[in-house]
Each structure stands twice: as C-alpha cells, then as structure tokens.
Amino acid sequence: HKLLRPFLNYLEKSRVLSIVRKGFAGTLLEVGCGKGGFLEAAKSHGFAVTGIEPSDRSRFFANRRLGGGVFADELTDFADDSETRFDLLYLWHVFEHLPSPQQSAQAIFTLLKPGGTAVIAVPNFDNFQSRWGGADWYHLDPPRHLHHFNYASIAAILQTQGLTVNHVTFGIGYADFVG
C-alpha cells in the first residue's frame, strides 16, 4: 500500500477536483469514507466534511486525519438520527455494499438539502467486462457486493425515492483496467 499511496492520493484529489470544477461547494457527506483521503482533499478545497465508515480501523485513521467527524452509523441510521442536511453526498463504490438499496436511496433523499446532489458510483453490470468475464468479473466480488446495477436498475431505485438522475458517466480509468 505504501508504494500505491501516491497514486491513490492522486486519484482522490482528482475526484475532488472533478466535483469542484462542476461548481459543488458547501457541506459534504462521504458514505464509506475509508481512511478519509477523499474527505481530506475535499476539506482542503473548502468543503465542510463529514464521513460514515463502518470499519473501526479505517474510521480511527480517518478521524485522526480529519480531526473528527467520521461516524460508525449505517447510512439509514445516520439519516434517522441526523438533523444535518448536506449539499453533496458522495458514495464511491459503496451503494452496491448496502443491504437495502431502496432504504439507502430514501436515506440519501433525507440527508440532501433541497437542490443537493448525490454522486453515486457503482460497477456497471451491463458493461462489456461483466458480460465477457461472467463469474470471473472483477466487480462481481461476492459476498462484499450485495447488489449489482445497470443504468436502468439504479435509476429506478433512485427515482422511486424522489431523486432525479441528472448525469451518467461510464468508465473511470483504473477500474476499467482492473475490471
């Protein structure tokens, strides 16, 4: 991991720059924030950051890195307990790990400020690699990936909870390579 750390830091900063370039600012909740690298980069660009991370070890490092603000709650419990609403929710390859997509989408809706945005990245089950790789597809990843989505399935889940899909992008470079 120490050899890959500079590359991973670059990727986290690149993801932050992509949301900054799109004009996002304000409060940011990252669900599944790991050790807090993305949140640290977002904080350096002026975001007020909060994180959710179920791993005790990763949450410890994230809180140490950020000076606090990373919680152990499940997304749905956090939404039930929090009175804070966010300008931006960020779920980078997390949604497929959550036990109930419908309840998770409702929690996202609850946690967003009016006019807020959720950025949700998931492996695309309809892509060439999925069809070609079949049971060996890298992103199949059982039992960690509880659900798999294509555009239609994730859009339907989000829309039934009152969310609107504004933009879809396929392909994120390094994941395409390892996929």
N, C-alpha and C. Protein backbone atom coordinates (compact mmCIF):
# COMPACT_ATOMS: atom_id res chain seq x y z
N HIS A 1 0.81 -1.21 0.00
CA HIS A 1 0.00 0.00 0.00
C HIS A 1 0.85 1.26 0.00
N LYS A 2 2.01 1.22 0.64
CA LYS A 2 2.86 2.41 0.68
C LYS A 2 3.35 2.79 -0.71
N LEU A 3 3.60 1.80 -1.56
CA LEU A 3 4.02 2.09 -2.92
C LEU A 3 2.88 2.69 -3.75
N LEU A 4 1.65 2.26 -3.47
CA LEU A 4 0.49 2.76 -4.21
C LEU A 4 -0.07 4.07 -3.64
N ARG A 5 0.31 4.42 -2.42
CA ARG A 5 -0.28 5.59 -1.77
C ARG A 5 -0.22 6.87 -2.60
N PRO A 6 0.92 7.22 -3.23
CA PRO A 6 0.93 8.45 -4.04
C PRO A 6 -0.09 8.39 -5.19
N PHE A 7 -0.22 7.23 -5.82
CA PHE A 7 -1.20 7.08 -6.90
C PHE A 7 -2.62 7.20 -6.37
N LEU A 8 -2.90 6.57 -5.23
CA LEU A 8 -4.24 6.64 -4.65
C LEU A 8 -4.56 8.06 -4.19
N ASN A 9 -3.58 8.76 -3.63
CA ASN A 9 -3.79 10.17 -3.24
C ASN A 9 -4.12 11.01 -4.47
N TYR A 10 -3.42 10.75 -5.57
CA TYR A 10 -3.69 11.47 -6.81
C TYR A 10 -5.13 11.22 -7.28
N LEU A 11 -5.59 9.96 -7.21
CA LEU A 11 -6.96 9.64 -7.62
C LEU A 11 -7.98 10.35 -6.74
N GLU A 12 -7.74 10.39 -5.42
CA GLU A 12 -8.67 11.06 -4.52
C GLU A 12 -8.72 12.55 -4.81
N LYS A 13 -7.56 13.17 -5.03
CA LYS A 13 -7.53 14.60 -5.36
C LYS A 13 -8.21 14.85 -6.70
N SER A 14 -8.05 13.95 -7.65
CA SER A 14 -8.69 14.09 -8.96
C SER A 14 -10.21 14.05 -8.82
N ARG A 15 -10.71 13.15 -7.98
CA ARG A 15 -12.16 13.08 -7.77
C ARG A 15 -12.68 14.36 -7.14
N VAL A 16 -11.93 14.92 -6.20
CA VAL A 16 -12.34 16.19 -5.59
C VAL A 16 -12.32 17.30 -6.63
N LEU A 17 -11.27 17.37 -7.42
CA LEU A 17 -11.20 18.41 -8.45
C LEU A 17 -12.35 18.30 -9.44
N SER A 18 -12.80 17.08 -9.72
CA SER A 18 -13.92 16.92 -10.66
C SER A 18 -15.21 17.51 -10.10
N ILE A 19 -15.43 17.40 -8.80
CA ILE A 19 -16.65 18.00 -8.24
C ILE A 19 -16.49 19.50 -8.04
N VAL A 20 -15.28 19.96 -7.75
CA VAL A 20 -15.04 21.40 -7.63
C VAL A 20 -15.25 22.08 -8.99
N ARG A 21 -14.75 21.46 -10.05
CA ARG A 21 -14.92 22.02 -11.41
C ARG A 21 -16.38 22.10 -11.82
N LYS A 22 -17.20 21.23 -11.26
CA LYS A 22 -18.63 21.25 -11.58
C LYS A 22 -19.38 22.27 -10.71
N GLY A 23 -18.66 22.97 -9.84
CA GLY A 23 -19.28 24.03 -9.06
C GLY A 23 -19.81 23.62 -7.71
N PHE A 24 -19.55 22.40 -7.28
CA PHE A 24 -20.04 21.97 -5.98
C PHE A 24 -19.21 22.60 -4.86
N ALA A 25 -19.88 22.94 -3.78
CA ALA A 25 -19.23 23.52 -2.61
C ALA A 25 -20.15 23.29 -1.42
N GLY A 26 -19.67 23.62 -0.24
CA GLY A 26 -20.52 23.56 0.95
C GLY A 26 -20.27 22.34 1.79
N THR A 27 -21.35 21.70 2.20
CA THR A 27 -21.26 20.56 3.11
C THR A 27 -21.24 19.26 2.31
N LEU A 28 -20.39 18.34 2.76
CA LEU A 28 -20.18 17.09 2.04
C LEU A 28 -20.21 15.92 3.01
N LEU A 29 -21.02 14.91 2.70
CA LEU A 29 -21.03 13.66 3.45
C LEU A 29 -20.54 12.57 2.51
N GLU A 30 -19.45 11.91 2.91
CA GLU A 30 -18.99 10.74 2.16
C GLU A 30 -19.39 9.49 2.92
N VAL A 31 -20.12 8.63 2.27
CA VAL A 31 -20.54 7.35 2.85
C VAL A 31 -19.50 6.31 2.44
N GLY A 32 -18.93 5.62 3.44
CA GLY A 32 -17.87 4.67 3.15
C GLY A 32 -16.57 5.39 2.87
N CYS A 33 -16.16 6.23 3.79
CA CYS A 33 -15.02 7.14 3.54
C CYS A 33 -13.66 6.50 3.76
N GLY A 34 -13.61 5.24 4.18
CA GLY A 34 -12.31 4.60 4.38
C GLY A 34 -11.46 5.37 5.37
N LYS A 35 -10.21 5.59 5.01
CA LYS A 35 -9.28 6.28 5.91
C LYS A 35 -9.32 7.80 5.75
N GLY A 36 -10.26 8.32 4.95
CA GLY A 36 -10.51 9.75 4.89
C GLY A 36 -9.72 10.53 3.86
N GLY A 37 -9.08 9.88 2.92
CA GLY A 37 -8.28 10.58 1.93
C GLY A 37 -9.08 11.54 1.06
N PHE A 38 -10.24 11.08 0.58
CA PHE A 38 -11.08 11.94 -0.24
C PHE A 38 -11.59 13.12 0.58
N LEU A 39 -12.02 12.85 1.82
CA LEU A 39 -12.52 13.93 2.67
C LEU A 39 -11.42 14.94 3.00
N GLU A 40 -10.21 14.45 3.20
CA GLU A 40 -9.10 15.37 3.47
C GLU A 40 -8.87 16.29 2.27
N ALA A 41 -8.89 15.72 1.07
CA ALA A 41 -8.72 16.52 -0.14
C ALA A 41 -9.88 17.51 -0.31
N ALA A 42 -11.10 17.06 -0.02
CA ALA A 42 -12.27 17.94 -0.12
C ALA A 42 -12.19 19.08 0.90
N LYS A 43 -11.76 18.76 2.09
CA LYS A 43 -11.61 19.77 3.14
C LYS A 43 -10.60 20.83 2.71
N SER A 44 -9.53 20.43 2.05
CA SER A 44 -8.52 21.38 1.60
C SER A 44 -9.06 22.30 0.50
N HIS A 45 -10.19 21.92 -0.12
CA HIS A 45 -10.85 22.76 -1.12
C HIS A 45 -12.06 23.50 -0.55
N GLY A 46 -12.16 23.55 0.78
CA GLY A 46 -13.17 24.37 1.41
C GLY A 46 -14.46 23.69 1.80
N PHE A 47 -14.60 22.40 1.54
CA PHE A 47 -15.81 21.69 1.94
C PHE A 47 -15.81 21.49 3.46
N ALA A 48 -16.99 21.57 4.07
CA ALA A 48 -17.19 21.13 5.45
C ALA A 48 -17.54 19.65 5.35
N VAL A 49 -16.67 18.78 5.88
CA VAL A 49 -16.78 17.36 5.60
C VAL A 49 -17.24 16.54 6.80
N THR A 50 -18.01 15.50 6.47
CA THR A 50 -18.47 14.50 7.43
C THR A 50 -18.34 13.15 6.73
N GLY A 51 -18.07 12.11 7.50
CA GLY A 51 -17.96 10.79 6.90
C GLY A 51 -18.69 9.72 7.69
N ILE A 52 -19.03 8.67 6.99
CA ILE A 52 -19.55 7.45 7.60
C ILE A 52 -18.62 6.32 7.18
N GLU A 53 -18.14 5.56 8.15
CA GLU A 53 -17.24 4.44 7.86
C GLU A 53 -17.46 3.33 8.87
N PRO A 54 -17.92 2.15 8.41
CA PRO A 54 -18.20 1.06 9.35
C PRO A 54 -16.96 0.38 9.93
N SER A 55 -15.84 0.42 9.24
CA SER A 55 -14.63 -0.25 9.72
C SER A 55 -14.02 0.55 10.88
N ASP A 56 -13.88 -0.10 12.03
CA ASP A 56 -13.29 0.58 13.19
C ASP A 56 -11.89 1.10 12.89
N ARG A 57 -11.10 0.27 12.24
CA ARG A 57 -9.71 0.65 11.96
C ARG A 57 -9.64 1.85 11.00
N SER A 58 -10.38 1.76 9.90
CA SER A 58 -10.37 2.85 8.93
C SER A 58 -10.95 4.13 9.54
N ARG A 59 -12.02 3.99 10.31
CA ARG A 59 -12.64 5.15 10.96
C ARG A 59 -11.66 5.82 11.93
N PHE A 60 -10.89 5.03 12.66
CA PHE A 60 -9.88 5.58 13.55
C PHE A 60 -8.90 6.46 12.77
N PHE A 61 -8.37 5.92 11.65
CA PHE A 61 -7.42 6.69 10.85
C PHE A 61 -8.07 7.92 10.23
N ALA A 62 -9.31 7.79 9.77
CA ALA A 62 -10.00 8.93 9.16
C ALA A 62 -10.22 10.04 10.20
N ASN A 63 -10.65 9.68 11.39
CA ASN A 63 -10.86 10.68 12.43
C ASN A 63 -9.55 11.35 12.83
N ARG A 64 -8.48 10.57 12.88
CA ARG A 64 -7.16 11.14 13.21
C ARG A 64 -6.72 12.10 12.11
N ARG A 65 -6.94 11.71 10.88
CA ARG A 65 -6.55 12.51 9.73
C ARG A 65 -7.34 13.81 9.63
N LEU A 66 -8.65 13.73 9.97
CA LEU A 66 -9.55 14.88 9.78
C LEU A 66 -9.83 15.65 11.07
N GLY A 67 -9.40 15.13 12.20
CA GLY A 67 -9.72 15.78 13.47
C GLY A 67 -11.14 15.51 13.93
N GLY A 68 -11.72 14.39 13.49
CA GLY A 68 -13.08 14.00 13.89
C GLY A 68 -14.07 14.16 12.75
N GLY A 69 -15.31 13.81 13.05
CA GLY A 69 -16.38 13.97 12.07
C GLY A 69 -16.67 12.75 11.22
N VAL A 70 -16.12 11.58 11.61
CA VAL A 70 -16.40 10.34 10.89
C VAL A 70 -17.11 9.40 11.86
N PHE A 71 -18.25 8.88 11.45
CA PHE A 71 -19.14 8.12 12.33
C PHE A 71 -19.30 6.69 11.86
N ALA A 72 -19.68 5.82 12.80
CA ALA A 72 -19.81 4.38 12.53
C ALA A 72 -21.20 3.99 12.04
N ASP A 73 -22.13 4.90 12.07
CA ASP A 73 -23.52 4.57 11.75
C ASP A 73 -23.68 3.95 10.36
N GLU A 74 -24.71 3.14 10.24
CA GLU A 74 -25.18 2.75 8.91
C GLU A 74 -25.81 3.99 8.28
N LEU A 75 -25.85 4.06 6.98
CA LEU A 75 -26.42 5.22 6.28
C LEU A 75 -27.85 5.49 6.74
N THR A 76 -28.68 4.44 6.82
CA THR A 76 -30.08 4.64 7.19
C THR A 76 -30.22 5.12 8.63
N ASP A 77 -29.40 4.61 9.54
CA ASP A 77 -29.44 5.07 10.93
C ASP A 77 -28.95 6.51 11.03
N PHE A 78 -27.91 6.84 10.29
CA PHE A 78 -27.38 8.21 10.30
C PHE A 78 -28.47 9.18 9.83
N ALA A 79 -29.20 8.80 8.78
CA ALA A 79 -30.28 9.66 8.26
C ALA A 79 -31.39 9.82 9.29
N ASP A 80 -31.69 8.76 10.02
CA ASP A 80 -32.74 8.83 11.05
C ASP A 80 -32.33 9.72 12.21
N ASP A 81 -31.04 9.69 12.56
CA ASP A 81 -30.56 10.39 13.76
C ASP A 81 -30.07 11.81 13.50
N SER A 82 -29.66 12.12 12.28
CA SER A 82 -29.03 13.39 11.99
C SER A 82 -30.06 14.45 11.61
N GLU A 83 -29.86 15.63 12.13
CA GLU A 83 -30.67 16.77 11.70
C GLU A 83 -29.92 17.59 10.65
N THR A 84 -28.67 17.23 10.40
CA THR A 84 -27.86 17.93 9.42
C THR A 84 -28.25 17.48 8.02
N ARG A 85 -28.32 18.43 7.11
CA ARG A 85 -28.56 18.14 5.70
C ARG A 85 -27.34 18.62 4.93
N PHE A 86 -27.05 17.97 3.82
CA PHE A 86 -25.81 18.19 3.10
C PHE A 86 -26.07 18.67 1.67
N ASP A 87 -25.12 19.49 1.18
CA ASP A 87 -25.17 19.94 -0.21
C ASP A 87 -24.80 18.81 -1.16
N LEU A 88 -23.90 17.94 -0.70
CA LEU A 88 -23.38 16.88 -1.56
C LEU A 88 -23.19 15.61 -0.76
N LEU A 89 -23.73 14.51 -1.27
CA LEU A 89 -23.46 13.17 -0.73
C LEU A 89 -22.62 12.43 -1.75
N TYR A 90 -21.62 11.71 -1.27
CA TYR A 90 -20.68 11.05 -2.15
C TYR A 90 -20.58 9.58 -1.75
N LEU A 91 -20.96 8.69 -2.65
CA LEU A 91 -20.89 7.25 -2.42
C LEU A 91 -20.09 6.64 -3.56
N TRP A 92 -18.80 6.47 -3.35
CA TRP A 92 -17.91 5.98 -4.38
C TRP A 92 -17.72 4.48 -4.20
N HIS A 93 -18.41 3.71 -5.01
CA HIS A 93 -18.38 2.25 -4.95
C HIS A 93 -18.74 1.76 -3.55
N VAL A 94 -19.88 2.26 -3.07
CA VAL A 94 -20.42 1.93 -1.75
C VAL A 94 -21.83 1.39 -1.87
N PHE A 95 -22.63 1.96 -2.78
CA PHE A 95 -24.06 1.63 -2.87
C PHE A 95 -24.29 0.13 -3.04
N GLU A 96 -23.40 -0.53 -3.77
CA GLU A 96 -23.55 -1.98 -4.02
C GLU A 96 -23.28 -2.82 -2.77
N HIS A 97 -22.71 -2.20 -1.75
CA HIS A 97 -22.42 -2.90 -0.49
C HIS A 97 -23.55 -2.75 0.54
N LEU A 98 -24.48 -1.84 0.30
CA LEU A 98 -25.51 -1.54 1.30
C LEU A 98 -26.64 -2.56 1.22
N PRO A 99 -27.15 -3.00 2.39
CA PRO A 99 -28.11 -4.11 2.39
C PRO A 99 -29.44 -3.82 1.70
N SER A 100 -29.95 -2.60 1.77
CA SER A 100 -31.24 -2.30 1.15
C SER A 100 -31.12 -1.07 0.26
N PRO A 101 -31.04 -1.27 -1.06
CA PRO A 101 -30.92 -0.12 -1.95
C PRO A 101 -32.07 0.88 -1.81
N GLN A 102 -33.29 0.38 -1.63
CA GLN A 102 -34.43 1.29 -1.51
C GLN A 102 -34.33 2.15 -0.25
N GLN A 103 -34.03 1.53 0.88
CA GLN A 103 -33.89 2.29 2.13
C GLN A 103 -32.68 3.22 2.05
N SER A 104 -31.63 2.79 1.40
CA SER A 104 -30.44 3.64 1.25
C SER A 104 -30.77 4.86 0.39
N ALA A 105 -31.52 4.66 -0.69
CA ALA A 105 -31.92 5.78 -1.54
C ALA A 105 -32.80 6.75 -0.77
N GLN A 106 -33.68 6.23 0.07
CA GLN A 106 -34.53 7.11 0.90
C GLN A 106 -33.66 7.89 1.89
N ALA A 107 -32.66 7.25 2.46
CA ALA A 107 -31.75 7.95 3.38
C ALA A 107 -30.98 9.05 2.66
N ILE A 108 -30.55 8.79 1.44
CA ILE A 108 -29.87 9.81 0.64
C ILE A 108 -30.80 11.00 0.43
N PHE A 109 -32.04 10.73 0.05
CA PHE A 109 -33.02 11.80 -0.16
C PHE A 109 -33.21 12.61 1.12
N THR A 110 -33.29 11.93 2.26
CA THR A 110 -33.48 12.59 3.56
C THR A 110 -32.29 13.48 3.91
N LEU A 111 -31.09 13.04 3.60
CA LEU A 111 -29.88 13.75 4.01
C LEU A 111 -29.50 14.91 3.09
N LEU A 112 -30.08 14.97 1.90
CA LEU A 112 -29.75 16.05 0.98
C LEU A 112 -30.55 17.32 1.30
N LYS A 113 -29.86 18.45 1.22
CA LYS A 113 -30.56 19.74 1.27
C LYS A 113 -31.40 19.86 0.00
N PRO A 114 -32.44 20.67 0.03
CA PRO A 114 -33.16 20.93 -1.22
C PRO A 114 -32.18 21.44 -2.29
N GLY A 115 -32.23 20.84 -3.45
CA GLY A 115 -31.30 21.20 -4.52
C GLY A 115 -29.94 20.53 -4.41
N GLY A 116 -29.77 19.68 -3.39
CA GLY A 116 -28.50 18.99 -3.20
C GLY A 116 -28.28 17.89 -4.23
N THR A 117 -27.07 17.36 -4.24
CA THR A 117 -26.67 16.37 -5.24
C THR A 117 -26.03 15.18 -4.56
N ALA A 118 -26.33 14.00 -5.07
CA ALA A 118 -25.65 12.78 -4.66
C ALA A 118 -24.83 12.28 -5.84
N VAL A 119 -23.56 11.98 -5.59
CA VAL A 119 -22.69 11.36 -6.59
C VAL A 119 -22.56 9.90 -6.18
N ILE A 120 -23.04 9.01 -7.04
CA ILE A 120 -23.07 7.59 -6.73
C ILE A 120 -22.35 6.84 -7.85
N ALA A 121 -21.26 6.18 -7.50
CA ALA A 121 -20.51 5.37 -8.47
C ALA A 121 -20.70 3.90 -8.11
N VAL A 122 -21.08 3.11 -9.10
CA VAL A 122 -21.23 1.67 -8.92
C VAL A 122 -20.65 0.97 -10.15
N PRO A 123 -20.23 -0.28 -10.00
CA PRO A 123 -19.84 -1.04 -11.20
C PRO A 123 -21.06 -1.22 -12.10
N ASN A 124 -20.85 -1.13 -13.40
CA ASN A 124 -21.94 -1.26 -14.37
C ASN A 124 -22.08 -2.72 -14.79
N PHE A 125 -23.16 -3.34 -14.35
CA PHE A 125 -23.38 -4.76 -14.62
C PHE A 125 -23.64 -5.04 -16.11
N ASP A 126 -23.97 -4.00 -16.87
CA ASP A 126 -24.23 -4.17 -18.31
C ASP A 126 -23.00 -3.95 -19.18
N ASN A 127 -21.85 -3.71 -18.59
CA ASN A 127 -20.70 -3.39 -19.43
C ASN A 127 -20.09 -4.63 -20.09
N PHE A 128 -19.22 -4.38 -21.03
CA PHE A 128 -18.54 -5.44 -21.76
C PHE A 128 -17.79 -6.40 -20.83
N GLN A 129 -17.08 -5.83 -19.84
CA GLN A 129 -16.28 -6.65 -18.94
C GLN A 129 -17.14 -7.62 -18.14
N SER A 130 -18.31 -7.17 -17.72
CA SER A 130 -19.22 -8.04 -16.97
C SER A 130 -19.68 -9.21 -17.83
N ARG A 131 -20.06 -8.91 -19.05
CA ARG A 131 -20.52 -9.98 -19.95
C ARG A 131 -19.39 -10.92 -20.32
N TRP A 132 -18.23 -10.36 -20.61
CA TRP A 132 -17.08 -11.16 -21.02
C TRP A 132 -16.53 -11.97 -19.85
N GLY A 133 -16.42 -11.36 -18.69
CA GLY A 133 -15.84 -12.03 -17.52
C GLY A 133 -16.76 -13.02 -16.85
N GLY A 134 -18.07 -12.83 -16.99
CA GLY A 134 -19.02 -13.74 -16.36
C GLY A 134 -18.76 -13.89 -14.88
N ALA A 135 -18.62 -15.12 -14.42
CA ALA A 135 -18.41 -15.40 -12.99
C ALA A 135 -17.05 -14.91 -12.50
N ASP A 136 -16.14 -14.59 -13.42
CA ASP A 136 -14.81 -14.11 -13.02
C ASP A 136 -14.69 -12.58 -13.09
N TRP A 137 -15.79 -11.89 -13.37
CA TRP A 137 -15.74 -10.43 -13.46
C TRP A 137 -15.24 -9.86 -12.14
N TYR A 138 -14.25 -8.98 -12.22
CA TYR A 138 -13.60 -8.40 -11.05
C TYR A 138 -14.61 -7.75 -10.09
N HIS A 139 -15.59 -7.04 -10.61
CA HIS A 139 -16.52 -6.30 -9.76
C HIS A 139 -17.69 -7.14 -9.25
N LEU A 140 -17.73 -8.41 -9.61
CA LEU A 140 -18.78 -9.28 -9.05
C LEU A 140 -18.60 -9.35 -7.54
N ASP A 141 -17.42 -9.66 -7.09
CA ASP A 141 -16.94 -9.52 -5.71
C ASP A 141 -17.89 -10.01 -4.61
N PRO A 142 -18.47 -11.23 -4.72
CA PRO A 142 -19.25 -11.73 -3.60
C PRO A 142 -18.34 -12.13 -2.45
N PRO A 143 -18.73 -12.07 -1.23
CA PRO A 143 -20.03 -11.61 -0.74
C PRO A 143 -20.06 -10.12 -0.40
N ARG A 144 -18.99 -9.39 -0.74
CA ARG A 144 -18.96 -7.96 -0.37
C ARG A 144 -19.95 -7.14 -1.18
N HIS A 145 -20.10 -7.43 -2.48
CA HIS A 145 -21.09 -6.73 -3.28
C HIS A 145 -22.42 -7.46 -3.14
N LEU A 146 -23.34 -6.79 -2.48
CA LEU A 146 -24.64 -7.40 -2.21
C LEU A 146 -25.59 -7.24 -3.39
N HIS A 147 -25.36 -6.22 -4.21
CA HIS A 147 -26.24 -5.91 -5.34
C HIS A 147 -25.40 -5.49 -6.53
N HIS A 148 -25.96 -5.68 -7.72
CA HIS A 148 -25.33 -5.20 -8.95
C HIS A 148 -26.36 -4.40 -9.72
N PHE A 149 -25.87 -3.36 -10.39
CA PHE A 149 -26.78 -2.42 -11.04
C PHE A 149 -26.35 -2.16 -12.47
N ASN A 150 -27.34 -1.90 -13.30
CA ASN A 150 -27.11 -1.28 -14.58
C ASN A 150 -27.78 0.09 -14.50
N TYR A 151 -27.71 0.86 -15.57
CA TYR A 151 -28.30 2.20 -15.51
C TYR A 151 -29.78 2.14 -15.15
N ALA A 152 -30.54 1.29 -15.80
CA ALA A 152 -31.99 1.25 -15.57
C ALA A 152 -32.34 0.87 -14.14
N SER A 153 -31.63 -0.10 -13.56
CA SER A 153 -31.99 -0.56 -12.22
C SER A 153 -31.67 0.47 -11.15
N ILE A 154 -30.51 1.12 -11.23
CA ILE A 154 -30.19 2.11 -10.20
C ILE A 154 -31.04 3.36 -10.38
N ALA A 155 -31.30 3.74 -11.62
CA ALA A 155 -32.16 4.91 -11.86
C ALA A 155 -33.56 4.67 -11.31
N ALA A 156 -34.09 3.47 -11.50
CA ALA A 156 -35.44 3.16 -10.99
C ALA A 156 -35.49 3.24 -9.47
N ILE A 157 -34.47 2.71 -8.80
CA ILE A 157 -34.43 2.77 -7.34
C ILE A 157 -34.38 4.22 -6.86
N LEU A 158 -33.52 5.01 -7.46
CA LEU A 158 -33.37 6.41 -7.04
C LEU A 158 -34.64 7.20 -7.32
N GLN A 159 -35.24 6.99 -8.48
CA GLN A 159 -36.43 7.74 -8.85
C GLN A 159 -37.63 7.39 -7.98
N THR A 160 -37.76 6.14 -7.54
CA THR A 160 -38.89 5.79 -6.67
C THR A 160 -38.77 6.48 -5.31
N GLN A 161 -37.59 6.96 -4.97
CA GLN A 161 -37.39 7.65 -3.69
C GLN A 161 -37.38 9.17 -3.86
N GLY A 162 -37.74 9.66 -5.03
CA GLY A 162 -37.84 11.09 -5.24
C GLY A 162 -36.57 11.75 -5.74
N LEU A 163 -35.58 10.96 -6.12
CA LEU A 163 -34.34 11.52 -6.65
C LEU A 163 -34.38 11.53 -8.17
N THR A 164 -33.71 12.49 -8.77
CA THR A 164 -33.66 12.62 -10.21
C THR A 164 -32.25 12.33 -10.69
N VAL A 165 -32.12 11.50 -11.71
CA VAL A 165 -30.81 11.21 -12.29
C VAL A 165 -30.53 12.31 -13.32
N ASN A 166 -29.47 13.09 -13.07
CA ASN A 166 -29.14 14.21 -13.95
C ASN A 166 -28.01 13.91 -14.91
N HIS A 167 -27.11 13.02 -14.54
CA HIS A 167 -25.94 12.78 -15.37
C HIS A 167 -25.41 11.37 -15.10
N VAL A 168 -25.03 10.68 -16.15
CA VAL A 168 -24.45 9.35 -16.03
C VAL A 168 -23.16 9.33 -16.83
N THR A 169 -22.12 8.77 -16.23
CA THR A 169 -20.83 8.63 -16.91
C THR A 169 -20.38 7.18 -16.78
N PHE A 170 -19.84 6.63 -17.82
CA PHE A 170 -19.30 5.29 -17.79
C PHE A 170 -17.80 5.36 -17.94
N GLY A 171 -17.09 4.56 -17.16
CA GLY A 171 -15.65 4.46 -17.30
C GLY A 171 -14.91 5.39 -16.36
N ILE A 172 -14.05 4.80 -15.52
CA ILE A 172 -13.28 5.61 -14.59
C ILE A 172 -11.81 5.23 -14.62
N GLY A 173 -11.32 4.84 -15.77
CA GLY A 173 -9.89 4.62 -15.93
C GLY A 173 -9.37 3.38 -15.24
N TYR A 174 -8.83 3.56 -14.01
CA TYR A 174 -8.16 2.44 -13.35
C TYR A 174 -9.11 1.28 -13.09
N ALA A 175 -10.37 1.54 -12.80
CA ALA A 175 -11.32 0.44 -12.57
C ALA A 175 -11.61 -0.28 -13.88
N ASP A 176 -11.59 0.44 -14.99
CA ASP A 176 -11.75 -0.22 -16.28
C ASP A 176 -10.60 -1.18 -16.54
N PHE A 177 -9.41 -0.75 -16.20
CA PHE A 177 -8.21 -1.57 -16.42
C PHE A 177 -8.28 -2.85 -15.59
N VAL A 178 -8.58 -2.76 -14.29
CA VAL A 178 -8.59 -3.95 -13.45
C VAL A 178 -9.87 -4.76 -13.63
N GLY A 179 -10.94 -4.11 -14.11
CA GLY A 179 -12.21 -4.80 -14.31
C GLY A 179 -12.12 -5.89 -15.32
